[in-house]
């Protein structure tokens, strides 16, 4: 079984991916962490030094490599992964795509606390964060909505996610 977790940054993909991996005894990969290992630098540095386009290309390659080289896994995708290079269609044709659909207010609260670690947010003043997140979320929702499953992250339990995955 191949499971791709998608959703906006701060939606809980890595958190739930690790839990689901333990529970289902499947390998877990965090796409951003894999890129950091390969490039030997943080995502923020990759964005600053080589740009988003370079990052998205590496992200696509990593997604395809992991998919081709493993029969079973859970992948926590970056927030923008489904939005580039037809990645959403690729994931849907190779496994189950689950959107952790987290409320905007929850995302804003979480992301304000960790914005220095988020390349798309690091230069945005706190007072402009809500508008930026709302716009970016609106732009990406078109891709997120294509997932096989949409789960409200704030009310999730591990049991609910497993049942949803197994019954899809």
N, C-alpha and C. Protein backbone atom coordinates (compact mmCIF):
# COMPACT_ATOMS: atom_id res chain seq x y z
N UNK A 1 0.84 -1.18 0.00
CA UNK A 1 0.00 0.00 0.00
C UNK A 1 0.89 1.25 0.00
N UNK A 2 0.57 2.17 -0.89
CA UNK A 2 1.30 3.44 -0.97
C UNK A 2 0.34 4.55 -0.57
N UNK A 3 0.72 5.29 0.46
CA UNK A 3 -0.13 6.35 0.99
C UNK A 3 0.64 7.66 0.93
N UNK A 4 0.03 8.65 0.30
CA UNK A 4 0.60 9.98 0.20
C UNK A 4 -0.24 10.93 1.05
N UNK A 5 0.37 11.57 2.03
CA UNK A 5 -0.33 12.56 2.85
C UNK A 5 -0.04 13.93 2.28
N UNK A 6 -1.10 14.66 1.94
CA UNK A 6 -0.94 16.01 1.42
C UNK A 6 -1.70 16.99 2.30
N UNK A 7 -1.40 18.26 2.13
CA UNK A 7 -2.06 19.31 2.89
C UNK A 7 -1.14 20.49 3.03
N UNK A 8 -1.67 21.57 3.51
CA UNK A 8 -0.91 22.80 3.66
C UNK A 8 0.18 22.62 4.71
N UNK A 9 1.23 23.43 4.62
CA UNK A 9 2.27 23.36 5.64
C UNK A 9 1.62 23.57 7.01
N UNK A 10 2.07 22.79 7.98
CA UNK A 10 1.52 22.88 9.32
C UNK A 10 0.25 22.07 9.54
N UNK A 11 -0.13 21.27 8.54
CA UNK A 11 -1.39 20.53 8.67
C UNK A 11 -1.27 19.22 9.43
N UNK A 12 -0.05 18.82 9.77
CA UNK A 12 0.12 17.60 10.56
C UNK A 12 0.54 16.38 9.75
N UNK A 13 1.00 16.58 8.53
CA UNK A 13 1.37 15.45 7.67
C UNK A 13 2.49 14.60 8.26
N UNK A 14 3.54 15.23 8.73
CA UNK A 14 4.66 14.48 9.31
C UNK A 14 4.25 13.80 10.62
N UNK A 15 3.52 14.51 11.44
CA UNK A 15 3.05 13.97 12.72
C UNK A 15 2.22 12.70 12.49
N UNK A 16 1.18 12.83 11.66
CA UNK A 16 0.30 11.70 11.43
C UNK A 16 0.97 10.62 10.60
N UNK A 17 1.87 11.01 9.70
CA UNK A 17 2.58 10.03 8.89
C UNK A 17 3.40 9.09 9.75
N UNK A 18 4.12 9.66 10.72
CA UNK A 18 4.92 8.82 11.62
C UNK A 18 4.04 7.88 12.44
N UNK A 19 2.95 8.41 12.96
CA UNK A 19 2.04 7.58 13.77
C UNK A 19 1.43 6.45 12.93
N UNK A 20 0.99 6.80 11.74
CA UNK A 20 0.38 5.81 10.85
C UNK A 20 1.40 4.76 10.43
N UNK A 21 2.62 5.18 10.19
CA UNK A 21 3.70 4.27 9.82
C UNK A 21 3.94 3.23 10.92
N UNK A 22 4.02 3.69 12.15
CA UNK A 22 4.21 2.77 13.28
C UNK A 22 3.05 1.80 13.39
N UNK A 23 1.85 2.34 13.32
CA UNK A 23 0.65 1.55 13.51
C UNK A 23 0.45 0.52 12.40
N UNK A 24 0.72 0.92 11.15
CA UNK A 24 0.49 0.04 10.01
C UNK A 24 1.75 -0.74 9.61
N UNK A 25 2.84 -0.47 10.32
CA UNK A 25 4.11 -1.13 10.04
C UNK A 25 4.55 -0.95 8.59
N UNK A 26 4.48 0.29 8.14
CA UNK A 26 4.91 0.66 6.79
C UNK A 26 6.06 1.66 6.90
N UNK A 27 6.99 1.64 5.95
CA UNK A 27 8.07 2.63 5.97
C UNK A 27 7.50 4.04 5.84
N UNK A 28 8.13 4.99 6.51
CA UNK A 28 7.69 6.39 6.46
C UNK A 28 8.79 7.24 5.86
N UNK A 29 8.39 8.12 4.96
CA UNK A 29 9.31 9.08 4.35
C UNK A 29 8.71 10.47 4.43
N UNK A 30 9.49 11.40 4.91
CA UNK A 30 9.11 12.81 4.87
C UNK A 30 9.85 13.40 3.67
N UNK A 31 9.12 13.81 2.66
CA UNK A 31 9.72 14.26 1.41
C UNK A 31 10.70 15.41 1.63
N UNK A 32 10.31 16.38 2.45
CA UNK A 32 11.22 17.50 2.72
C UNK A 32 12.50 17.02 3.41
N UNK A 33 12.38 16.12 4.37
CA UNK A 33 13.57 15.59 5.06
C UNK A 33 14.49 14.84 4.10
N UNK A 34 13.90 14.11 3.16
CA UNK A 34 14.69 13.38 2.17
C UNK A 34 15.48 14.35 1.28
N UNK A 35 14.84 15.44 0.91
CA UNK A 35 15.50 16.45 0.08
C UNK A 35 16.63 17.11 0.86
N UNK A 36 16.38 17.42 2.12
CA UNK A 36 17.41 18.03 2.98
C UNK A 36 18.63 17.10 3.07
N UNK A 37 18.39 15.81 3.24
CA UNK A 37 19.49 14.84 3.30
C UNK A 37 20.28 14.82 1.99
N UNK A 38 19.55 14.75 0.88
CA UNK A 38 20.20 14.67 -0.42
C UNK A 38 21.02 15.92 -0.73
N UNK A 39 20.44 17.08 -0.45
CA UNK A 39 21.09 18.36 -0.78
C UNK A 39 22.06 18.82 0.31
N UNK A 40 21.99 18.18 1.46
CA UNK A 40 22.85 18.51 2.59
C UNK A 40 22.72 19.96 3.03
N UNK A 41 21.47 20.47 2.99
CA UNK A 41 21.18 21.82 3.48
C UNK A 41 19.69 21.95 3.73
N UNK A 42 19.31 22.84 4.63
CA UNK A 42 17.88 23.04 4.95
C UNK A 42 17.09 23.55 3.75
N UNK A 43 15.80 23.27 3.76
CA UNK A 43 14.91 23.72 2.68
C UNK A 43 15.02 25.23 2.49
N UNK A 44 15.08 25.98 3.58
CA UNK A 44 15.17 27.44 3.46
C UNK A 44 16.41 27.84 2.66
N UNK A 45 17.53 27.17 2.87
CA UNK A 45 18.75 27.48 2.13
C UNK A 45 18.62 27.10 0.65
N UNK A 46 17.98 25.97 0.39
CA UNK A 46 17.77 25.55 -1.00
C UNK A 46 16.95 26.61 -1.73
N UNK A 47 15.87 27.06 -1.11
CA UNK A 47 15.03 28.10 -1.70
C UNK A 47 15.83 29.37 -1.95
N UNK A 48 16.59 29.80 -0.95
CA UNK A 48 17.35 31.05 -1.06
C UNK A 48 18.46 30.96 -2.11
N UNK A 49 19.17 29.84 -2.13
CA UNK A 49 20.34 29.72 -3.01
C UNK A 49 20.00 29.31 -4.44
N UNK A 50 19.01 28.43 -4.58
CA UNK A 50 18.74 27.87 -5.92
C UNK A 50 17.33 28.16 -6.42
N UNK A 51 16.45 28.64 -5.54
CA UNK A 51 15.11 29.01 -5.95
C UNK A 51 14.08 27.89 -5.82
N UNK A 52 12.82 28.30 -5.86
CA UNK A 52 11.73 27.34 -5.70
C UNK A 52 11.66 26.36 -6.88
N UNK A 53 11.93 26.83 -8.08
CA UNK A 53 11.85 25.94 -9.24
C UNK A 53 12.81 24.76 -9.12
N UNK A 54 14.03 25.04 -8.69
CA UNK A 54 15.02 23.98 -8.46
C UNK A 54 14.50 23.00 -7.41
N UNK A 55 14.00 23.54 -6.29
CA UNK A 55 13.48 22.71 -5.21
C UNK A 55 12.36 21.81 -5.72
N UNK A 56 11.42 22.38 -6.49
CA UNK A 56 10.28 21.59 -6.99
C UNK A 56 10.73 20.48 -7.93
N UNK A 57 11.79 20.72 -8.68
CA UNK A 57 12.33 19.67 -9.55
C UNK A 57 12.90 18.52 -8.75
N UNK A 58 13.67 18.84 -7.71
CA UNK A 58 14.23 17.81 -6.82
C UNK A 58 13.10 17.06 -6.12
N UNK A 59 12.09 17.80 -5.70
CA UNK A 59 10.94 17.21 -5.02
C UNK A 59 10.25 16.17 -5.92
N UNK A 60 10.06 16.53 -7.19
CA UNK A 60 9.42 15.61 -8.13
C UNK A 60 10.27 14.36 -8.32
N UNK A 61 11.57 14.53 -8.51
CA UNK A 61 12.46 13.38 -8.67
C UNK A 61 12.41 12.46 -7.46
N UNK A 62 12.45 13.05 -6.26
CA UNK A 62 12.43 12.27 -5.03
C UNK A 62 11.10 11.51 -4.91
N UNK A 63 10.01 12.17 -5.22
CA UNK A 63 8.69 11.54 -5.18
C UNK A 63 8.65 10.33 -6.11
N UNK A 64 9.13 10.51 -7.33
CA UNK A 64 9.13 9.42 -8.31
C UNK A 64 10.07 8.30 -7.90
N UNK A 65 11.25 8.65 -7.39
CA UNK A 65 12.22 7.64 -6.96
C UNK A 65 11.68 6.79 -5.81
N UNK A 66 11.09 7.45 -4.82
CA UNK A 66 10.54 6.70 -3.68
C UNK A 66 9.39 5.81 -4.12
N UNK A 67 8.54 6.32 -4.99
CA UNK A 67 7.39 5.55 -5.47
C UNK A 67 7.84 4.33 -6.25
N UNK A 68 8.84 4.50 -7.10
CA UNK A 68 9.32 3.40 -7.93
C UNK A 68 10.11 2.36 -7.14
N UNK A 69 10.76 2.78 -6.07
CA UNK A 69 11.66 1.87 -5.36
C UNK A 69 11.05 1.18 -4.14
N UNK A 70 9.79 1.50 -3.82
CA UNK A 70 9.15 0.89 -2.65
C UNK A 70 7.74 0.42 -3.00
N UNK A 71 7.41 -0.77 -2.52
CA UNK A 71 6.06 -1.29 -2.77
C UNK A 71 5.04 -0.75 -1.79
N UNK A 72 5.52 -0.42 -0.58
CA UNK A 72 4.63 0.07 0.47
C UNK A 72 5.31 1.23 1.18
N UNK A 73 4.53 2.23 1.54
CA UNK A 73 5.08 3.34 2.31
C UNK A 73 3.99 4.33 2.69
N UNK A 74 4.39 5.25 3.52
CA UNK A 74 3.62 6.45 3.80
C UNK A 74 4.58 7.60 3.54
N UNK A 75 4.17 8.52 2.68
CA UNK A 75 4.99 9.69 2.38
C UNK A 75 4.26 10.94 2.85
N UNK A 76 4.95 11.72 3.65
CA UNK A 76 4.48 13.05 4.01
C UNK A 76 5.03 14.00 2.95
N UNK A 77 4.14 14.52 2.12
CA UNK A 77 4.55 15.41 1.04
C UNK A 77 4.67 16.84 1.54
N UNK A 78 5.47 17.63 0.85
CA UNK A 78 5.52 19.05 1.16
C UNK A 78 4.19 19.69 0.79
N UNK A 79 3.90 20.83 1.38
CA UNK A 79 2.62 21.50 1.13
C UNK A 79 2.36 21.80 -0.33
N UNK A 80 3.41 22.06 -1.09
CA UNK A 80 3.26 22.39 -2.50
C UNK A 80 3.43 21.22 -3.45
N UNK A 81 3.81 20.07 -2.93
CA UNK A 81 4.10 18.92 -3.79
C UNK A 81 2.99 18.61 -4.80
N UNK A 82 1.72 18.56 -4.38
CA UNK A 82 0.68 18.19 -5.35
C UNK A 82 0.44 19.24 -6.44
N UNK A 83 0.98 20.43 -6.26
CA UNK A 83 0.65 21.56 -7.13
C UNK A 83 1.59 21.74 -8.32
N UNK A 84 2.59 20.90 -8.45
CA UNK A 84 3.59 21.08 -9.49
C UNK A 84 3.81 19.81 -10.30
N UNK A 85 4.13 19.97 -11.57
CA UNK A 85 4.57 18.89 -12.47
C UNK A 85 3.60 17.71 -12.54
N UNK A 86 2.31 17.95 -12.34
CA UNK A 86 1.35 16.86 -12.39
C UNK A 86 1.50 15.85 -11.27
N UNK A 87 2.14 16.27 -10.16
CA UNK A 87 2.38 15.35 -9.05
C UNK A 87 1.10 14.76 -8.47
N UNK A 88 0.02 15.55 -8.42
CA UNK A 88 -1.23 15.02 -7.84
C UNK A 88 -1.74 13.84 -8.67
N UNK A 89 -1.68 13.94 -9.98
CA UNK A 89 -2.13 12.84 -10.84
C UNK A 89 -1.21 11.63 -10.68
N UNK A 90 0.09 11.89 -10.59
CA UNK A 90 1.06 10.81 -10.40
C UNK A 90 0.78 10.05 -9.11
N UNK A 91 0.57 10.78 -8.02
CA UNK A 91 0.31 10.14 -6.73
C UNK A 91 -1.00 9.36 -6.77
N UNK A 92 -2.04 9.96 -7.36
CA UNK A 92 -3.33 9.27 -7.42
C UNK A 92 -3.26 7.98 -8.22
N UNK A 93 -2.42 7.95 -9.24
CA UNK A 93 -2.34 6.75 -10.06
C UNK A 93 -1.42 5.68 -9.44
N UNK A 94 -0.70 6.05 -8.39
CA UNK A 94 0.24 5.10 -7.78
C UNK A 94 -0.12 4.70 -6.35
N UNK A 95 -1.12 5.31 -5.76
CA UNK A 95 -1.47 4.97 -4.38
C UNK A 95 -2.69 5.75 -3.92
N UNK A 96 -2.85 5.82 -2.61
CA UNK A 96 -3.96 6.56 -2.01
C UNK A 96 -3.46 7.92 -1.55
N UNK A 97 -4.18 8.95 -1.93
CA UNK A 97 -3.81 10.31 -1.55
C UNK A 97 -4.81 10.79 -0.50
N UNK A 98 -4.27 11.22 0.63
CA UNK A 98 -5.10 11.68 1.74
C UNK A 98 -4.77 13.13 2.03
N UNK A 99 -5.80 13.96 1.98
CA UNK A 99 -5.65 15.39 2.29
C UNK A 99 -5.97 15.60 3.76
N UNK A 100 -4.99 16.04 4.53
CA UNK A 100 -5.25 16.45 5.91
C UNK A 100 -5.74 17.90 5.83
N UNK A 101 -7.04 18.01 5.88
CA UNK A 101 -7.73 19.28 5.64
C UNK A 101 -7.85 20.03 6.98
N UNK A 102 -6.89 20.87 7.23
CA UNK A 102 -6.79 21.59 8.50
C UNK A 102 -7.38 22.99 8.34
N UNK A 103 -8.17 23.41 9.32
CA UNK A 103 -8.81 24.73 9.28
C UNK A 103 -7.76 25.84 9.20
N UNK A 104 -8.07 26.89 8.45
CA UNK A 104 -7.15 28.00 8.24
C UNK A 104 -6.70 28.63 9.56
N UNK A 105 -7.61 28.81 10.50
CA UNK A 105 -7.24 29.42 11.79
C UNK A 105 -6.21 28.58 12.54
N UNK A 106 -6.35 27.26 12.47
CA UNK A 106 -5.40 26.35 13.11
C UNK A 106 -4.04 26.46 12.42
N UNK A 107 -4.05 26.50 11.09
CA UNK A 107 -2.81 26.64 10.32
C UNK A 107 -2.09 27.94 10.68
N UNK A 108 -2.83 29.02 10.73
CA UNK A 108 -2.24 30.33 11.04
C UNK A 108 -1.59 30.30 12.41
N UNK A 109 -2.30 29.77 13.38
CA UNK A 109 -1.76 29.69 14.75
C UNK A 109 -0.48 28.86 14.79
N UNK A 110 -0.48 27.72 14.14
CA UNK A 110 0.70 26.85 14.13
C UNK A 110 1.87 27.51 13.38
N UNK A 111 1.58 28.09 12.24
CA UNK A 111 2.64 28.62 11.38
C UNK A 111 3.27 29.89 11.92
N UNK A 112 2.53 30.67 12.67
CA UNK A 112 3.12 31.85 13.30
C UNK A 112 4.26 31.44 14.24
N UNK A 113 4.10 30.28 14.87
CA UNK A 113 5.09 29.80 15.83
C UNK A 113 6.35 29.24 15.15
N UNK A 114 6.22 28.80 13.91
CA UNK A 114 7.35 28.12 13.27
C UNK A 114 7.75 28.74 11.93
N UNK A 115 7.40 30.01 11.72
CA UNK A 115 7.62 30.62 10.41
C UNK A 115 9.08 30.73 10.00
N UNK A 116 9.99 30.82 10.96
CA UNK A 116 11.41 30.96 10.59
C UNK A 116 11.94 29.70 9.92
N UNK A 117 11.25 28.57 10.09
CA UNK A 117 11.67 27.31 9.48
C UNK A 117 10.93 27.04 8.16
N UNK A 118 10.11 27.98 7.75
CA UNK A 118 9.29 27.80 6.54
C UNK A 118 9.73 28.81 5.48
N UNK A 119 10.36 28.35 4.40
CA UNK A 119 10.92 29.28 3.42
C UNK A 119 9.90 30.22 2.79
N UNK A 120 8.68 29.76 2.60
CA UNK A 120 7.68 30.64 1.99
C UNK A 120 7.14 31.68 2.96
N UNK A 121 7.40 31.50 4.26
CA UNK A 121 6.83 32.40 5.27
C UNK A 121 7.85 33.27 5.98
N UNK A 122 9.10 32.92 5.89
CA UNK A 122 10.12 33.54 6.75
C UNK A 122 10.21 35.06 6.61
N UNK A 123 9.93 35.61 5.45
CA UNK A 123 10.05 37.06 5.24
C UNK A 123 8.73 37.82 5.38
N UNK A 124 7.67 37.12 5.72
CA UNK A 124 6.35 37.76 5.80
C UNK A 124 6.11 38.28 7.22
N UNK A 125 5.80 39.58 7.34
CA UNK A 125 5.50 40.12 8.68
C UNK A 125 4.30 39.40 9.30
N UNK A 126 4.32 39.24 10.62
CA UNK A 126 3.24 38.53 11.31
C UNK A 126 1.86 39.05 10.95
N UNK A 127 1.74 40.37 10.81
CA UNK A 127 0.43 40.96 10.53
C UNK A 127 -0.08 40.61 9.13
N UNK A 128 0.80 40.16 8.24
CA UNK A 128 0.38 39.79 6.88
C UNK A 128 0.23 38.28 6.70
N UNK A 129 0.54 37.52 7.73
CA UNK A 129 0.52 36.06 7.63
C UNK A 129 -0.85 35.51 7.27
N UNK A 130 -1.88 36.01 7.93
CA UNK A 130 -3.22 35.47 7.67
C UNK A 130 -3.60 35.63 6.21
N UNK A 131 -3.39 36.82 5.66
CA UNK A 131 -3.74 37.07 4.26
C UNK A 131 -2.93 36.17 3.33
N UNK A 132 -1.63 36.05 3.61
CA UNK A 132 -0.77 35.21 2.77
C UNK A 132 -1.23 33.75 2.81
N UNK A 133 -1.47 33.23 4.01
CA UNK A 133 -1.87 31.83 4.15
C UNK A 133 -3.22 31.59 3.49
N UNK A 134 -4.15 32.51 3.67
CA UNK A 134 -5.47 32.35 3.06
C UNK A 134 -5.37 32.31 1.53
N UNK A 135 -4.54 33.16 0.96
CA UNK A 135 -4.39 33.19 -0.50
C UNK A 135 -3.71 31.90 -0.98
N UNK A 136 -2.63 31.51 -0.34
CA UNK A 136 -1.89 30.31 -0.74
C UNK A 136 -2.78 29.07 -0.59
N UNK A 137 -3.52 29.01 0.50
CA UNK A 137 -4.44 27.89 0.73
C UNK A 137 -5.51 27.85 -0.37
N UNK A 138 -6.04 28.99 -0.71
CA UNK A 138 -7.04 29.08 -1.78
C UNK A 138 -6.45 28.57 -3.10
N UNK A 139 -5.23 28.99 -3.42
CA UNK A 139 -4.58 28.57 -4.66
C UNK A 139 -4.31 27.07 -4.70
N UNK A 140 -3.98 26.49 -3.57
CA UNK A 140 -3.61 25.07 -3.52
C UNK A 140 -4.81 24.14 -3.34
N UNK A 141 -5.91 24.68 -2.88
CA UNK A 141 -7.09 23.86 -2.57
C UNK A 141 -7.55 23.05 -3.79
N UNK A 142 -7.42 23.63 -4.97
CA UNK A 142 -7.79 22.96 -6.21
C UNK A 142 -7.07 21.61 -6.34
N UNK A 143 -5.83 21.56 -5.92
CA UNK A 143 -5.04 20.33 -5.98
C UNK A 143 -5.38 19.41 -4.81
N UNK A 144 -5.46 19.98 -3.62
CA UNK A 144 -5.76 19.18 -2.43
C UNK A 144 -7.10 18.46 -2.57
N UNK A 145 -8.08 19.13 -3.17
CA UNK A 145 -9.42 18.55 -3.30
C UNK A 145 -9.46 17.33 -4.21
N UNK A 146 -8.40 17.10 -4.96
CA UNK A 146 -8.36 15.95 -5.86
C UNK A 146 -7.96 14.65 -5.15
N UNK A 147 -7.61 14.75 -3.88
CA UNK A 147 -7.20 13.57 -3.11
C UNK A 147 -8.34 12.55 -3.05
N UNK A 148 -7.97 11.31 -2.85
CA UNK A 148 -8.98 10.26 -2.68
C UNK A 148 -9.82 10.49 -1.43
N UNK A 149 -9.17 10.98 -0.38
CA UNK A 149 -9.84 11.22 0.89
C UNK A 149 -9.49 12.60 1.42
N UNK A 150 -10.47 13.23 2.05
CA UNK A 150 -10.23 14.49 2.75
C UNK A 150 -10.63 14.27 4.21
N UNK A 151 -9.67 14.47 5.11
CA UNK A 151 -9.93 14.25 6.53
C UNK A 151 -9.69 15.53 7.31
N UNK A 152 -10.62 15.92 8.18
CA UNK A 152 -10.43 17.12 9.01
C UNK A 152 -9.39 16.86 10.09
N UNK A 153 -8.19 17.41 9.94
CA UNK A 153 -7.07 17.07 10.80
C UNK A 153 -7.31 17.37 12.27
N UNK A 154 -7.99 18.45 12.60
CA UNK A 154 -8.14 18.86 14.01
C UNK A 154 -8.89 17.83 14.86
N UNK A 155 -9.71 17.01 14.24
CA UNK A 155 -10.52 16.06 15.00
C UNK A 155 -10.08 14.61 14.78
N UNK A 156 -8.95 14.42 14.13
CA UNK A 156 -8.53 13.07 13.77
C UNK A 156 -8.00 12.27 14.95
N UNK A 157 -8.16 10.97 14.79
CA UNK A 157 -7.48 10.02 15.66
C UNK A 157 -6.77 9.03 14.73
N UNK A 158 -5.79 8.35 15.25
CA UNK A 158 -5.07 7.36 14.46
C UNK A 158 -6.03 6.29 13.94
N UNK A 159 -6.93 5.88 14.77
CA UNK A 159 -7.91 4.85 14.38
C UNK A 159 -8.76 5.33 13.21
N UNK A 160 -9.19 6.59 13.25
CA UNK A 160 -10.01 7.14 12.15
C UNK A 160 -9.24 7.14 10.83
N UNK A 161 -7.98 7.53 10.88
CA UNK A 161 -7.18 7.57 9.65
C UNK A 161 -7.02 6.16 9.09
N UNK A 162 -6.67 5.22 9.95
CA UNK A 162 -6.49 3.83 9.50
C UNK A 162 -7.76 3.29 8.89
N UNK A 163 -8.88 3.50 9.53
CA UNK A 163 -10.16 3.01 9.01
C UNK A 163 -10.47 3.65 7.67
N UNK A 164 -10.23 4.94 7.55
CA UNK A 164 -10.49 5.64 6.30
C UNK A 164 -9.62 5.08 5.17
N UNK A 165 -8.35 4.85 5.47
CA UNK A 165 -7.42 4.32 4.47
C UNK A 165 -7.84 2.93 4.05
N UNK A 166 -8.14 2.09 5.01
CA UNK A 166 -8.49 0.70 4.72
C UNK A 166 -9.83 0.57 4.01
N UNK A 167 -10.75 1.51 4.22
CA UNK A 167 -12.08 1.43 3.61
C UNK A 167 -12.17 2.19 2.29
N UNK A 168 -11.13 2.91 1.93
CA UNK A 168 -11.16 3.69 0.68
C UNK A 168 -11.06 2.78 -0.50
